[in-house]
Amino acid sequence: MDEIREVLERSDPSWKAADSVDPHGEPLLHIAISHGRADIVQLLLEFGPDVEFRSRSGSTPLEVAAGSGEALIVELLLAHRASTERSETSSWGPIHLAAGAGHVEVLRLLLLKGARVDSLTKDGSTALHIAVEQRRRDCARLLLGSGARGDVRNGRDGDTPLHVAARLGDENMVRLLLQKGANKEIRNRNGQVSYDIAAEYGHSRLFDALKLGDSLCVAARKGDSRAIQRVIESGALVNGRDQHGWTALHRAAFKGKIEAARTLLERGIDIDSKDEDGYTALHCAVEAGHADVIELLVKKSADVEARTNKGVSALQIAESLHYVGITRVLIAGGASREGMNQGAAAPPTHAPFGNVLMAGKEAEKPMKKRPVRARAMQNSIDRSAAPLAV
């Protein structure tokens, strides 16, 4: 160390010995960093070297230190105003190198000193893309906590970090990104959402988490027409389904949110789309007793003769629940009693209020297994009030 100091002190100030290069063209500062010699780096910095001087490969001292995980050296360079931006000749900047190598402390230092969390690599990826690609969960968590956007598409194929995690089948990373608000309805340049990527690579354990339609269904269930417009405009599939196989129209119909239903219909949602049990939005509205929604659906040409997987029509549901007014609306809309049991209409098997509203022996039988449909309705049923009987 003393010898190095002596050489530096005796050198001609006009040519800056601290910026000297070895016979291979590598700057002294870069050599010291690559060997992890924070003491030599500190000494060199005393003699005012160019902290943006690039190596033969085009990297700045800070880029080399960040990629090597040398937190102390990074701190020294930052104290001497080293730029946190990617240099023109580098593919990755300091923040990308730290994230890709899993150097959390270095990444934290860079962010604290003002590194732009969503700055791009030469090919258009963010540090979050790289952290996800390299399975650096701690770095991804830090980036997200520092405001990294999960909806940025990279420049190569338009993938978001969620697309990348889906391709890798990284369940924990997918969960982290979704918890932090990642939009699973964004499509890459091939028109694929993250669910499509998971399916392409056979990562079936990700299917439930990445299914589409959840955010739109939430807005529909709340009756928030503005949110519905916003979610659709952000790229959501209007006919997307939630984890229970319901479209947003099923949710709006079952909750009696007529304005939400009207907005969805205006945006082109499939009025006769069926869930896993064959129920349309009309079946759901009838089952819950929402006459105004039923009138809207009938007016918009919903199929009043549509049958569930068990062959039940909307009219059969209405009659089994003794909804006289709704029955009239359905018949006026073209529903037919043909093929129905003219005695006592069979109640719908999966009606959510069956134990409360249905009379007869069917209502008294204990349910051995909770039906799929009941699970689908769990988040929609308002238990504070019975359905409107008309």
Protein backbone atom coordinates (compact mmCIF):
# COMPACT_ATOMS: atom_id res chain seq x y z
CA MET A 1 0.00 0.00 0.00
CA ASP A 2 2.79 2.43 0.92
CA GLU A 3 4.55 1.67 -2.34
CA ILE A 4 1.40 2.33 -4.34
CA ARG A 5 0.86 5.61 -2.50
CA GLU A 6 4.44 6.64 -3.13
CA VAL A 7 4.14 5.97 -6.87
CA LEU A 8 0.90 7.91 -7.05
CA GLU A 9 2.32 10.85 -5.12
CA ARG A 10 5.45 11.07 -7.26
CA SER A 11 3.68 10.74 -10.59
CA ASP A 12 3.16 13.68 -12.90
CA PRO A 13 -0.26 15.17 -12.01
CA SER A 14 -0.88 16.00 -15.66
CA TRP A 15 -1.42 12.37 -16.70
CA LYS A 16 -3.22 11.02 -13.61
CA ALA A 17 -1.46 7.84 -12.56
CA ALA A 18 -4.69 6.66 -10.93
CA ASP A 19 -6.13 6.25 -14.43
CA SER A 20 -3.25 4.07 -15.63
CA VAL A 21 -3.96 0.80 -17.42
CA ASP A 22 -2.05 -2.47 -17.36
CA PRO A 23 -0.43 -4.00 -20.46
CA HIS A 24 -3.80 -5.53 -21.36
CA GLY A 25 -5.56 -2.18 -21.24
CA GLU A 26 -7.35 -2.77 -17.93
CA PRO A 27 -7.58 0.33 -15.67
CA LEU A 28 -6.04 0.15 -12.17
CA LEU A 29 -9.38 0.89 -10.52
CA HIS A 30 -11.04 -2.02 -12.31
CA ILE A 31 -8.18 -4.37 -11.38
CA ALA A 32 -8.47 -3.43 -7.70
CA ILE A 33 -12.25 -3.94 -7.80
CA SER A 34 -12.01 -7.32 -9.50
CA HIS A 35 -9.70 -8.47 -6.69
CA GLY A 36 -12.01 -7.11 -4.00
CA ARG A 37 -9.37 -4.69 -2.72
CA ALA A 38 -11.47 -1.96 -1.13
CA ASP A 39 -8.34 -0.53 0.50
CA ILE A 40 -6.60 0.02 -2.84
CA VAL A 41 -9.80 1.41 -4.35
CA GLN A 42 -10.02 3.90 -1.50
CA LEU A 43 -6.39 4.89 -2.04
CA LEU A 44 -6.84 5.36 -5.77
CA LEU A 45 -9.95 7.47 -5.17
CA GLU A 46 -7.85 9.89 -3.10
CA PHE A 47 -5.98 10.78 -6.28
CA GLY A 48 -9.05 11.71 -8.28
CA PRO A 49 -9.38 9.02 -10.93
CA ASP A 50 -12.18 9.15 -13.50
CA VAL A 51 -14.89 7.07 -11.79
CA GLU A 52 -16.64 6.68 -15.15
CA PHE A 53 -13.51 5.34 -16.92
CA ARG A 54 -14.49 2.23 -18.84
CA SER A 55 -12.71 -1.07 -19.03
CA ARG A 56 -11.85 -2.80 -22.28
CA SER A 57 -15.26 -4.49 -22.15
CA GLY A 58 -16.98 -1.12 -21.72
CA SER A 59 -17.91 -1.40 -18.03
CA THR A 60 -17.59 1.40 -15.49
CA PRO A 61 -16.00 0.78 -12.06
CA LEU A 62 -19.45 0.84 -10.43
CA GLU A 63 -20.79 -1.75 -12.86
CA VAL A 64 -17.87 -4.06 -12.08
CA ALA A 65 -18.30 -3.59 -8.32
CA ALA A 66 -22.08 -4.09 -8.46
CA GLY A 67 -21.75 -7.30 -10.44
CA SER A 68 -19.11 -8.60 -8.03
CA GLY A 69 -21.19 -7.85 -4.94
CA GLU A 70 -18.54 -5.57 -3.44
CA ALA A 71 -20.80 -3.49 -1.20
CA LEU A 72 -18.00 -1.49 0.44
CA ILE A 73 -16.44 -0.60 -2.91
CA VAL A 74 -19.86 0.34 -4.27
CA GLU A 75 -20.32 2.64 -1.29
CA LEU A 76 -16.90 4.24 -1.91
CA LEU A 77 -17.66 4.82 -5.59
CA LEU A 78 -21.08 6.26 -4.85
CA ALA A 79 -19.49 8.62 -2.33
CA HIS A 80 -17.34 9.88 -5.22
CA ARG A 81 -20.44 10.51 -7.35
CA ALA A 82 -20.21 7.48 -9.61
CA SER A 83 -23.25 7.33 -11.89
CA THR A 84 -25.84 4.65 -11.18
CA GLU A 85 -26.96 4.71 -14.82
CA ARG A 86 -25.99 2.11 -17.41
CA SER A 87 -23.04 3.26 -19.49
CA GLU A 88 -23.50 3.49 -23.26
CA THR A 89 -21.13 0.61 -23.92
CA SER A 90 -22.62 -1.75 -21.32
CA SER A 91 -25.53 -4.12 -21.80
CA TRP A 92 -26.51 -3.97 -18.12
CA GLY A 93 -26.25 -1.15 -15.61
CA PRO A 94 -25.22 -1.45 -11.93
CA ILE A 95 -28.78 -2.15 -10.74
CA HIS A 96 -29.26 -4.95 -13.29
CA LEU A 97 -25.91 -6.56 -12.47
CA ALA A 98 -26.63 -6.52 -8.74
CA ALA A 99 -30.16 -7.90 -9.19
CA GLY A 100 -29.03 -10.63 -11.57
CA ALA A 101 -26.28 -11.81 -9.25
CA GLY A 102 -28.46 -11.67 -6.14
CA HIS A 103 -26.43 -8.98 -4.35
CA VAL A 104 -29.21 -7.57 -2.16
CA GLU A 105 -27.05 -5.20 -0.11
CA VAL A 106 -25.47 -3.70 -3.20
CA LEU A 107 -28.91 -3.34 -4.77
CA ARG A 108 -30.17 -1.59 -1.64
CA LEU A 109 -27.23 0.84 -1.71
CA LEU A 110 -27.86 1.67 -5.35
CA LEU A 111 -31.55 2.30 -4.75
CA LEU A 112 -30.82 4.47 -1.72
CA LYS A 113 -28.44 6.55 -3.83
CA GLY A 114 -31.08 7.19 -6.46
CA ALA A 115 -30.71 4.40 -9.00
CA ARG A 116 -33.85 4.33 -11.16
CA VAL A 117 -35.68 1.18 -10.20
CA ASP A 118 -37.20 0.68 -13.66
CA SER A 119 -34.15 1.64 -15.74
CA LEU A 120 -33.65 -0.59 -18.77
CA THR A 121 -30.89 -2.83 -20.01
CA LYS A 122 -29.70 -2.50 -23.59
CA ASP A 123 -32.36 -4.99 -24.73
CA GLY A 124 -35.15 -3.33 -22.74
CA SER A 125 -35.41 -5.39 -19.55
CA THR A 126 -35.78 -3.99 -16.03
CA ALA A 127 -33.89 -5.15 -12.97
CA LEU A 128 -37.11 -6.90 -11.92
CA HIS A 129 -37.14 -8.91 -15.15
CA ILE A 130 -33.58 -9.99 -14.45
CA ALA A 131 -34.17 -10.81 -10.78
CA VAL A 132 -37.13 -12.99 -11.79
CA GLU A 133 -35.17 -14.63 -14.61
CA GLN A 134 -32.35 -15.51 -12.23
CA ARG A 135 -34.75 -16.56 -9.45
CA ARG A 136 -33.43 -13.88 -7.09
CA ARG A 137 -36.50 -13.62 -4.89
CA ASP A 138 -34.94 -11.34 -2.26
CA CYS A 139 -33.86 -8.90 -4.95
CA ALA A 140 -37.29 -9.04 -6.58
CA ARG A 141 -38.93 -8.34 -3.23
CA LEU A 142 -36.63 -5.36 -2.64
CA LEU A 143 -37.27 -3.97 -6.11
CA LEU A 144 -41.04 -4.31 -5.73
CA GLY A 145 -40.87 -2.68 -2.32
CA SER A 146 -38.94 0.18 -3.92
CA GLY A 147 -41.64 0.82 -6.49
CA ALA A 148 -40.63 -1.41 -9.39
CA ARG A 149 -43.46 -1.75 -11.90
CA GLY A 150 -44.54 -5.29 -12.58
CA ASP A 151 -46.30 -4.41 -15.85
CA VAL A 152 -43.23 -3.32 -17.88
CA ARG A 153 -42.81 -5.33 -21.08
CA ASN A 154 -39.24 -6.12 -22.07
CA GLY A 155 -37.87 -5.10 -25.44
CA ARG A 156 -37.20 -8.60 -26.71
CA ASP A 157 -40.59 -10.32 -26.72
CA GLY A 158 -42.85 -8.02 -24.73
CA ASP A 159 -42.80 -10.23 -21.63
CA THR A 160 -43.55 -8.80 -18.20
CA PRO A 161 -41.79 -10.22 -15.13
CA LEU A 162 -44.91 -12.34 -14.58
CA HIS A 163 -44.52 -13.89 -18.03
CA VAL A 164 -40.91 -14.73 -17.14
CA ALA A 165 -41.89 -16.32 -13.82
CA ALA A 166 -44.64 -18.31 -15.56
CA ARG A 167 -42.19 -19.63 -18.15
CA LEU A 168 -39.82 -20.75 -15.39
CA GLY A 169 -42.65 -22.33 -13.39
CA ASP A 170 -41.47 -20.37 -10.33
CA GLU A 171 -44.53 -20.64 -8.09
CA ASN A 172 -43.11 -18.53 -5.26
CA MET A 173 -42.10 -15.75 -7.64
CA VAL A 174 -45.51 -15.79 -9.31
CA ARG A 175 -47.16 -15.51 -5.91
CA LEU A 176 -44.89 -12.61 -4.92
CA LEU A 177 -45.57 -10.71 -8.14
CA LEU A 178 -49.34 -11.19 -7.85
CA GLN A 179 -49.30 -10.09 -4.21
CA LYS A 180 -47.59 -6.90 -5.34
CA GLY A 181 -50.23 -6.23 -7.96
CA ALA A 182 -48.82 -7.75 -11.16
CA ASN A 183 -51.36 -7.64 -13.97
CA LYS A 184 -51.86 -11.17 -15.28
CA GLU A 185 -53.98 -9.96 -18.19
CA ILE A 186 -51.14 -8.21 -20.06
CA ARG A 187 -50.25 -9.86 -23.37
CA ASN A 188 -46.77 -10.14 -24.85
CA ARG A 189 -45.92 -9.67 -28.53
CA ASN A 190 -47.20 -13.15 -29.31
CA GLY A 191 -50.55 -12.28 -27.76
CA GLN A 192 -49.95 -14.52 -24.75
CA VAL A 193 -50.89 -13.80 -21.16
CA SER A 194 -48.86 -15.36 -18.36
CA TYR A 195 -51.41 -18.20 -18.08
CA ASP A 196 -50.75 -19.11 -21.72
CA ILE A 197 -47.00 -19.24 -21.04
CA ALA A 198 -47.50 -21.52 -18.03
CA ALA A 199 -49.72 -23.79 -20.14
CA GLU A 200 -47.19 -23.87 -22.98
CA TYR A 201 -44.44 -25.04 -20.63
CA GLY A 202 -46.68 -27.44 -18.72
CA HIS A 203 -46.57 -25.68 -15.35
CA SER A 204 -50.05 -26.80 -14.29
CA ARG A 205 -49.57 -25.85 -10.64
CA LEU A 206 -49.63 -22.20 -11.74
CA PHE A 207 -52.98 -22.42 -13.54
CA ASP A 208 -55.21 -21.44 -10.62
CA ALA A 209 -53.09 -18.43 -9.70
CA LEU A 210 -52.84 -17.16 -13.28
CA LYS A 211 -56.41 -17.64 -14.46
CA LEU A 212 -57.91 -14.52 -15.99
CA GLY A 213 -60.99 -12.53 -15.08
CA ASP A 214 -60.49 -12.08 -11.34
CA SER A 215 -60.03 -8.30 -11.30
CA LEU A 216 -62.93 -7.74 -13.68
CA CYS A 217 -65.12 -10.07 -11.64
CA VAL A 218 -64.26 -8.19 -8.45
CA ALA A 219 -65.31 -4.90 -10.05
CA ALA A 220 -68.53 -6.50 -11.34
CA ARG A 221 -69.36 -7.98 -7.96
CA LYS A 222 -68.99 -4.54 -6.39
CA GLY A 223 -71.07 -2.94 -9.14
CA ASP A 224 -68.26 -0.50 -9.97
CA SER A 225 -68.87 0.42 -13.62
CA ARG A 226 -65.91 2.81 -13.75
CA ALA A 227 -63.58 0.12 -12.48
CA ILE A 228 -64.99 -2.27 -15.08
CA GLN A 229 -64.20 0.22 -17.85
CA ARG A 230 -60.72 0.82 -16.42
CA VAL A 231 -59.86 -2.87 -16.10
CA ILE A 232 -61.04 -3.64 -19.64
CA GLU A 233 -59.12 -0.67 -21.06
CA SER A 234 -55.97 -1.90 -19.30
CA GLY A 235 -56.15 -5.10 -21.32
CA ALA A 236 -58.42 -7.45 -19.36
CA LEU A 237 -60.36 -9.99 -21.37
CA VAL A 238 -64.02 -9.03 -21.16
CA ASN A 239 -64.94 -12.74 -21.27
CA GLY A 240 -62.20 -13.77 -18.85
CA ARG A 241 -63.17 -16.08 -16.02
CA ASP A 242 -62.30 -16.07 -12.35
CA GLN A 243 -60.93 -19.05 -10.45
CA HIS A 244 -64.44 -20.52 -10.22
CA GLY A 245 -65.17 -20.29 -13.94
CA TRP A 246 -67.53 -17.32 -13.68
CA THR A 247 -67.39 -14.35 -16.03
CA ALA A 248 -67.90 -10.84 -14.73
CA LEU A 249 -71.49 -10.98 -16.01
CA HIS A 250 -72.22 -14.03 -13.86
CA ARG A 251 -70.97 -12.07 -10.84
CA ALA A 252 -72.90 -8.90 -11.65
CA ALA A 253 -76.08 -10.87 -12.34
CA PHE A 254 -75.89 -12.87 -9.13
CA LYS A 255 -75.23 -9.74 -7.04
CA GLY A 256 -77.96 -7.75 -8.78
CA LYS A 257 -75.57 -5.05 -10.04
CA ILE A 258 -77.60 -3.88 -13.02
CA GLU A 259 -75.34 -0.98 -14.07
CA ALA A 260 -72.32 -3.25 -13.98
CA ALA A 261 -74.21 -5.79 -16.09
CA ARG A 262 -75.22 -3.09 -18.56
CA THR A 263 -71.62 -1.86 -18.85
CA LEU A 264 -70.35 -5.38 -19.47
CA LEU A 265 -72.95 -5.98 -22.15
CA GLU A 266 -72.03 -2.69 -23.83
CA ARG A 267 -68.40 -3.85 -23.85
CA GLY A 268 -69.36 -7.03 -25.69
CA ILE A 269 -69.36 -9.71 -23.00
CA ASP A 270 -70.90 -13.04 -24.03
CA ILE A 271 -74.39 -12.89 -22.56
CA ASP A 272 -74.90 -16.66 -22.76
CA SER A 273 -71.49 -17.80 -21.49
CA LYS A 274 -71.80 -20.83 -19.19
CA ASP A 275 -69.88 -21.72 -16.05
CA GLU A 276 -68.61 -25.19 -15.18
CA ASP A 277 -72.13 -26.29 -14.22
CA GLY A 278 -73.71 -24.87 -17.36
CA TYR A 279 -75.21 -21.82 -15.65
CA THR A 280 -75.57 -18.61 -17.66
CA ALA A 281 -75.82 -15.13 -16.14
CA LEU A 282 -79.60 -15.44 -16.53
CA HIS A 283 -79.66 -18.58 -14.37
CA CYS A 284 -77.64 -16.71 -11.73
CA ALA A 285 -79.90 -13.66 -11.76
CA VAL A 286 -83.02 -15.83 -11.49
CA GLU A 287 -81.54 -17.91 -8.70
CA ALA A 288 -80.77 -14.76 -6.70
CA GLY A 289 -84.11 -13.14 -7.50
CA HIS A 290 -82.92 -9.96 -9.24
CA ALA A 291 -85.87 -9.03 -11.46
CA ASP A 292 -84.31 -5.85 -12.90
CA VAL A 293 -81.20 -7.70 -14.06
CA ILE A 294 -83.37 -10.46 -15.53
CA GLU A 295 -85.39 -7.90 -17.50
CA LEU A 296 -82.15 -6.39 -18.83
CA LEU A 297 -80.77 -9.77 -19.88
CA VAL A 298 -84.02 -10.79 -21.57
CA LYS A 299 -84.18 -7.42 -23.34
CA LYS A 300 -80.60 -7.98 -24.56
CA SER A 301 -81.65 -11.33 -26.08
CA ALA A 302 -80.27 -13.72 -23.48
CA ASP A 303 -81.15 -17.33 -24.29
CA VAL A 304 -84.15 -17.93 -22.02
CA GLU A 305 -84.16 -21.60 -23.00
CA ALA A 306 -80.52 -22.24 -22.00
CA ARG A 307 -80.11 -25.33 -19.82
CA THR A 308 -77.60 -26.16 -17.12
CA ASN A 309 -75.58 -29.36 -17.29
CA LYS A 310 -78.45 -31.03 -15.42
CA GLY A 311 -81.02 -29.76 -17.89
CA VAL A 312 -82.49 -27.00 -15.71
CA SER A 313 -83.84 -23.86 -17.36
CA ALA A 314 -84.12 -20.38 -15.83
CA LEU A 315 -87.91 -20.78 -15.81
CA GLN A 316 -87.66 -23.99 -13.79
CA ILE A 317 -85.49 -22.23 -11.24
CA ALA A 318 -87.96 -19.33 -10.97
CA GLU A 319 -90.94 -21.62 -10.51
CA SER A 320 -89.17 -23.84 -7.99
CA LEU A 321 -88.39 -20.74 -5.90
CA HIS A 322 -91.95 -19.40 -6.37
CA TYR A 323 -90.77 -16.20 -8.07
CA VAL A 324 -94.09 -15.32 -9.70
CA GLY A 325 -93.05 -11.98 -11.17
CA ILE A 326 -89.79 -13.37 -12.56
CA THR A 327 -91.69 -16.29 -14.05
CA ARG A 328 -93.90 -13.81 -15.91
CA VAL A 329 -90.86 -11.89 -17.21
CA LEU A 330 -89.27 -15.09 -18.52
CA ILE A 331 -92.45 -16.30 -20.22
CA ALA A 332 -92.95 -12.87 -21.78
CA GLY A 333 -89.37 -13.14 -23.05
CA GLY A 334 -90.10 -16.42 -24.79
CA ALA A 335 -89.41 -19.05 -22.13
CA SER A 336 -91.46 -22.19 -22.68
CA ARG A 337 -92.91 -24.68 -20.22
CA GLU A 338 -92.61 -27.46 -22.76
CA GLY A 339 -90.82 -30.48 -21.35
CA MET A 340 -91.24 -29.27 -17.77
CA ASN A 341 -92.87 -31.38 -15.09
CA GLN A 342 -96.28 -29.82 -14.73
CA GLY A 343 -96.61 -31.12 -11.18
CA ALA A 344 -93.96 -29.68 -8.91
CA ALA A 345 -90.99 -28.17 -10.68
CA ALA A 346 -87.70 -29.68 -9.56
CA PRO A 347 -85.61 -27.19 -7.61
CA PRO A 348 -82.17 -26.30 -8.97
CA THR A 349 -79.59 -28.67 -7.54
CA HIS A 350 -77.03 -26.01 -6.68
CA ALA A 351 -79.24 -23.09 -5.68
CA PRO A 352 -77.31 -21.15 -3.02
CA PHE A 353 -80.39 -20.55 -0.89
CA GLY A 354 -81.78 -24.05 -1.22
CA ASN A 355 -81.81 -24.88 2.48
CA VAL A 356 -83.69 -21.68 3.25
CA LEU A 357 -86.14 -21.27 0.41
CA MET A 358 -86.85 -24.69 -1.00
CA ALA A 359 -89.75 -26.65 0.35
CA GLY A 360 -90.18 -30.41 0.29
CA LYS A 361 -87.93 -33.39 0.86
CA GLU A 362 -85.07 -32.16 -1.36
CA ALA A 363 -84.41 -29.26 1.02
CA GLU A 364 -84.29 -31.56 4.02
CA LYS A 365 -81.61 -33.90 2.66
CA PRO A 366 -78.19 -33.20 4.16
CA MET A 367 -75.58 -32.24 1.59
CA LYS A 368 -72.76 -34.77 1.74
CA LYS A 369 -70.32 -32.73 -0.32
CA ARG A 370 -70.28 -29.02 -0.92
CA PRO A 371 -70.93 -28.55 -4.63
CA VAL A 372 -68.54 -26.72 -6.91
CA ARG A 373 -71.21 -24.12 -7.56
CA ALA A 374 -71.52 -23.33 -3.87
CA ARG A 375 -67.79 -22.62 -3.71
CA ALA A 376 -68.09 -20.35 -6.72
CA MET A 377 -70.79 -18.34 -4.98
CA GLN A 378 -68.96 -18.01 -1.69
CA ASN A 379 -67.72 -14.50 -2.40
CA SER A 380 -70.97 -13.35 -3.97
CA ILE A 381 -73.65 -14.27 -1.45
CA ASP A 382 -74.86 -11.41 0.71
CA ARG A 383 -75.98 -13.23 3.85
CA SER A 384 -77.47 -10.10 5.36
CA ALA A 385 -80.56 -10.31 3.18
CA ALA A 386 -82.65 -12.98 1.52
CA PRO A 387 -83.04 -12.83 -2.27
CA LEU A 388 -85.83 -10.73 -3.62
CA ALA A 389 -88.91 -12.85 -4.30
CA VAL A 390 -91.03 -11.23 -6.95
